[in-house]
Amino acid sequence: MLRIIGLSGGIACGKSTVASILSNSDYPVVDADQVAREVVSRGQPALTQIIDFFGEALLTEEGELDRRELGRLVFGDDSARKKLESITHPAIAAASQKKFIEFSNNGHEIVFYEAALLVETGGYKSMSALVVVTASAEIQRRRLLARDSDLSEDEVEKRIASQMPLAQKEAVADYVIRNNGNKNELEARVHELLNQLQCRFNG
């Protein structure tokens, strides 16, 4: 039986680094952001629906979706955002499910689903377990400034404040990885998590 484990966390907490460690440990990771890009790539039905509704001005010269322009279009417009989600969310769900089936057919028993908004959307409720990666507020700020050096300290604060508080994500998590140290420490925590999951599902 395939177990799908949700992987989420706050901005600049190290969720993507955890995903990389999992992949390097031969545990497949389906990245929701990557799937979202795939379903709106050239030739995909979702792209056709988006262009039919929002207009051809959203296409680049190469026939690809101008994601930045689309973001501007739906930002602050609930009606437009909901229409976009009605197109993309079913496509993302179907594409993700196809990847899960492929991994299962290849003999994998545990697959991780990396998505920033698993708690906000309630998507974690349909999964076998939820892992949330967190860090202290100070470390979040420091990492975000280092990663996006063009951001001001005020913009960093706004980005962190715009997200669901980490405490709320921790409250519904089955496993919490606190990433306040270095990468070696994080790798140790991830391998400890994998041992716990193996005991839980195979013990």
Protein backbone atom coordinates (compact mmCIF):
# COMPACT_ATOMS: atom_id res chain seq x y z
CA MET A 1 0.00 0.00 0.00
CA LEU A 2 1.38 3.39 -0.99
CA ARG A 3 1.74 5.93 1.81
CA ILE A 4 1.68 9.59 0.74
CA ILE A 5 3.39 11.83 3.28
CA GLY A 6 2.75 15.56 3.14
CA LEU A 7 5.82 17.80 3.43
CA SER A 8 5.20 21.45 4.26
CA GLY A 9 6.63 24.30 6.28
CA GLY A 10 7.19 28.01 6.52
CA ILE A 11 9.11 30.27 4.18
CA ALA A 12 12.91 29.91 4.46
CA CYS A 13 12.58 27.04 6.95
CA GLY A 14 14.30 24.46 4.73
CA LYS A 15 11.42 22.45 3.25
CA SER A 16 13.16 22.18 -0.13
CA THR A 17 16.41 21.11 1.54
CA VAL A 18 14.52 18.36 3.37
CA ALA A 19 13.00 17.30 0.03
CA SER A 20 16.49 17.11 -1.46
CA ILE A 21 17.75 14.96 1.42
CA LEU A 22 14.75 12.64 0.98
CA SER A 23 15.40 12.32 -2.75
CA ASN A 24 19.06 11.55 -2.11
CA SER A 25 17.92 8.85 0.32
CA ASP A 26 15.91 7.18 -2.50
CA TYR A 27 12.53 8.40 -1.28
CA PRO A 28 10.55 9.95 -4.14
CA VAL A 29 9.28 13.51 -3.73
CA VAL A 30 6.50 15.03 -5.83
CA ASP A 31 6.95 18.80 -5.85
CA ALA A 32 3.58 20.57 -6.12
CA ASP A 33 5.23 23.71 -7.54
CA GLN A 34 6.92 21.70 -10.27
CA VAL A 35 3.66 19.90 -11.10
CA ALA A 36 1.90 23.28 -11.23
CA ARG A 37 4.43 24.47 -13.83
CA GLU A 38 4.07 21.26 -15.85
CA VAL A 39 0.27 21.42 -16.13
CA VAL A 40 0.37 24.93 -17.63
CA SER A 41 3.23 24.25 -20.04
CA ARG A 42 2.76 24.61 -23.79
CA GLY A 43 0.31 22.09 -25.23
CA GLN A 44 -1.37 21.26 -21.93
CA PRO A 45 -5.20 21.53 -21.67
CA ALA A 46 -4.97 23.76 -18.59
CA LEU A 47 -2.96 26.34 -20.53
CA THR A 48 -5.61 26.39 -23.26
CA GLN A 49 -8.32 26.99 -20.66
CA ILE A 50 -6.32 29.80 -19.02
CA ILE A 51 -5.76 31.56 -22.34
CA ASP A 52 -9.40 31.09 -23.37
CA PHE A 53 -10.49 32.84 -20.19
CA PHE A 54 -7.76 35.41 -19.50
CA GLY A 55 -6.63 36.19 -23.05
CA GLU A 56 -3.66 35.60 -25.35
CA ALA A 57 -1.75 38.52 -23.83
CA LEU A 58 -0.59 36.00 -21.22
CA LEU A 59 1.42 34.05 -23.81
CA THR A 60 5.09 34.73 -24.40
CA GLU A 61 6.53 34.84 -27.92
CA GLU A 62 7.51 31.19 -27.44
CA GLY A 63 3.91 30.24 -26.65
CA GLU A 64 4.58 29.67 -22.96
CA LEU A 65 2.53 31.07 -20.09
CA ASP A 66 3.80 34.36 -18.70
CA ARG A 67 3.46 33.31 -15.05
CA ARG A 68 4.55 36.69 -13.70
CA GLU A 69 1.92 38.53 -15.73
CA LEU A 70 -0.72 36.01 -14.70
CA GLY A 71 0.27 36.58 -11.07
CA ARG A 72 -0.23 40.32 -11.49
CA LEU A 73 -3.61 39.70 -13.08
CA VAL A 74 -5.02 37.56 -10.27
CA PHE A 75 -3.28 39.27 -7.33
CA GLY A 76 -5.91 40.98 -5.22
CA ASP A 77 -8.73 39.78 -7.50
CA ASP A 78 -10.55 36.97 -5.70
CA SER A 79 -12.81 36.20 -8.64
CA ALA A 80 -9.89 35.83 -11.06
CA ARG A 81 -7.88 33.79 -8.55
CA LYS A 82 -10.79 31.40 -7.96
CA LYS A 83 -11.25 30.95 -11.71
CA LEU A 84 -7.56 30.19 -12.12
CA GLU A 85 -7.67 27.71 -9.24
CA SER A 86 -10.73 26.01 -10.76
CA ILE A 87 -8.59 25.32 -13.82
CA THR A 88 -5.25 24.47 -12.26
CA HIS A 89 -6.14 22.61 -9.06
CA PRO A 90 -7.89 19.64 -10.74
CA ALA A 91 -5.05 19.42 -13.29
CA ILE A 92 -2.42 19.46 -10.52
CA ALA A 93 -4.32 16.81 -8.55
CA ALA A 94 -4.61 14.53 -11.59
CA ALA A 95 -0.96 14.96 -12.57
CA SER A 96 0.19 14.34 -9.00
CA GLN A 97 -1.95 11.22 -8.75
CA LYS A 98 -0.40 9.91 -11.95
CA LYS A 99 3.08 10.37 -10.45
CA PHE A 100 2.02 8.59 -7.25
CA ILE A 101 0.77 5.62 -9.28
CA GLU A 102 4.02 5.46 -11.25
CA PHE A 103 6.10 5.41 -8.06
CA SER A 104 3.84 2.76 -6.56
CA ASN A 105 4.16 0.62 -9.69
CA ASN A 106 7.93 0.93 -9.38
CA GLY A 107 7.84 -0.58 -5.91
CA HIS A 108 7.94 2.48 -3.68
CA GLU A 109 5.87 2.28 -0.50
CA ILE A 110 6.38 5.87 0.72
CA VAL A 111 6.16 9.02 -1.43
CA PHE A 112 6.47 12.58 -0.14
CA TYR A 113 4.29 15.39 -1.48
CA GLU A 114 6.02 18.75 -1.07
CA ALA A 115 3.60 21.68 -1.00
CA ALA A 116 3.72 25.02 0.81
CA LEU A 117 -0.04 25.30 1.42
CA LEU A 118 -0.96 21.78 2.52
CA VAL A 119 -2.28 22.99 5.85
CA GLU A 120 -4.02 26.10 4.49
CA THR A 121 -5.90 24.08 1.85
CA GLY A 122 -6.59 21.11 4.12
CA GLY A 123 -4.88 18.84 1.61
CA TYR A 124 -2.88 17.15 4.37
CA LYS A 125 -6.08 15.52 5.71
CA SER A 126 -6.15 13.01 2.85
CA MET A 127 -2.53 11.93 3.41
CA SER A 128 -1.03 9.21 5.57
CA ALA A 129 0.95 11.72 7.65
CA LEU A 130 2.12 15.33 7.63
CA VAL A 131 5.69 16.54 8.16
CA VAL A 132 6.17 20.25 8.88
CA VAL A 133 9.59 21.91 8.67
CA THR A 134 10.00 24.93 10.95
CA ALA A 135 12.67 27.32 12.17
CA SER A 136 12.84 30.15 14.68
CA ALA A 137 11.61 33.54 13.48
CA GLU A 138 15.11 35.01 13.69
CA ILE A 139 16.62 32.24 11.56
CA GLN A 140 13.76 32.56 9.07
CA ARG A 141 14.54 36.26 8.66
CA ARG A 142 18.26 35.64 8.31
CA ARG A 143 17.83 32.91 5.69
CA LEU A 144 15.28 34.90 3.71
CA LEU A 145 17.57 37.95 3.59
CA ALA A 146 20.47 35.75 2.48
CA ARG A 147 18.36 33.98 -0.16
CA ASP A 148 16.61 37.06 -1.57
CA SER A 149 19.22 39.76 -1.07
CA ASP A 150 17.14 42.34 -2.94
CA LEU A 151 14.46 42.27 -0.23
CA SER A 152 14.42 44.93 2.46
CA GLU A 153 13.99 43.93 6.09
CA ASP A 154 10.46 45.35 5.97
CA GLU A 155 9.61 43.20 2.92
CA VAL A 156 11.00 40.15 4.70
CA GLU A 157 8.76 40.84 7.69
CA LYS A 158 5.74 41.22 5.43
CA ARG A 159 6.44 37.92 3.65
CA ILE A 160 6.72 36.05 6.91
CA ALA A 161 3.64 37.78 8.35
CA SER A 162 1.58 36.91 5.26
CA GLN A 163 1.92 33.20 5.97
CA MET A 164 0.00 31.04 8.38
CA PRO A 165 1.81 31.09 11.76
CA LEU A 166 4.16 28.13 12.11
CA ALA A 167 2.55 27.19 15.43
CA GLN A 168 -0.72 26.48 13.59
CA LYS A 169 1.05 24.20 11.13
CA GLU A 170 2.90 22.42 13.93
CA ALA A 171 -0.41 21.86 15.71
CA VAL A 172 -1.72 19.58 12.95
CA ALA A 173 1.60 17.94 12.04
CA ASP A 174 2.36 14.30 12.77
CA TYR A 175 6.09 15.08 12.69
CA VAL A 176 7.89 18.39 13.15
CA ILE A 177 11.46 18.99 11.96
CA ARG A 178 12.93 22.08 13.62
CA ASN A 179 15.67 23.30 11.33
CA ASN A 180 17.63 25.77 13.44
CA GLY A 181 21.06 24.22 12.92
CA ASN A 182 23.36 23.25 10.06
CA LYS A 183 22.75 20.83 7.20
CA ASN A 184 24.38 17.89 8.98
CA GLU A 185 21.97 18.32 11.87
CA LEU A 186 19.06 18.56 9.44
CA GLU A 187 20.14 15.38 7.65
CA ALA A 188 20.22 13.56 11.00
CA ARG A 189 16.69 14.72 11.78
CA VAL A 190 15.44 13.61 8.36
CA HIS A 191 16.95 10.14 8.75
CA GLU A 192 15.40 9.91 12.21
CA LEU A 193 12.05 10.79 10.61
CA LEU A 194 12.49 8.07 7.99
CA ASN A 195 13.18 5.50 10.71
CA GLN A 196 10.04 6.60 12.55
CA LEU A 197 7.96 6.31 9.38
CA GLN A 198 9.30 2.86 8.60
CA CYS A 199 8.46 1.72 12.13
CA ARG A 200 5.00 3.26 11.93
CA PHE A 201 4.02 1.74 8.60
CA ASN A 202 6.04 -1.48 8.55
CA GLY A 203 6.33 -2.26 12.23
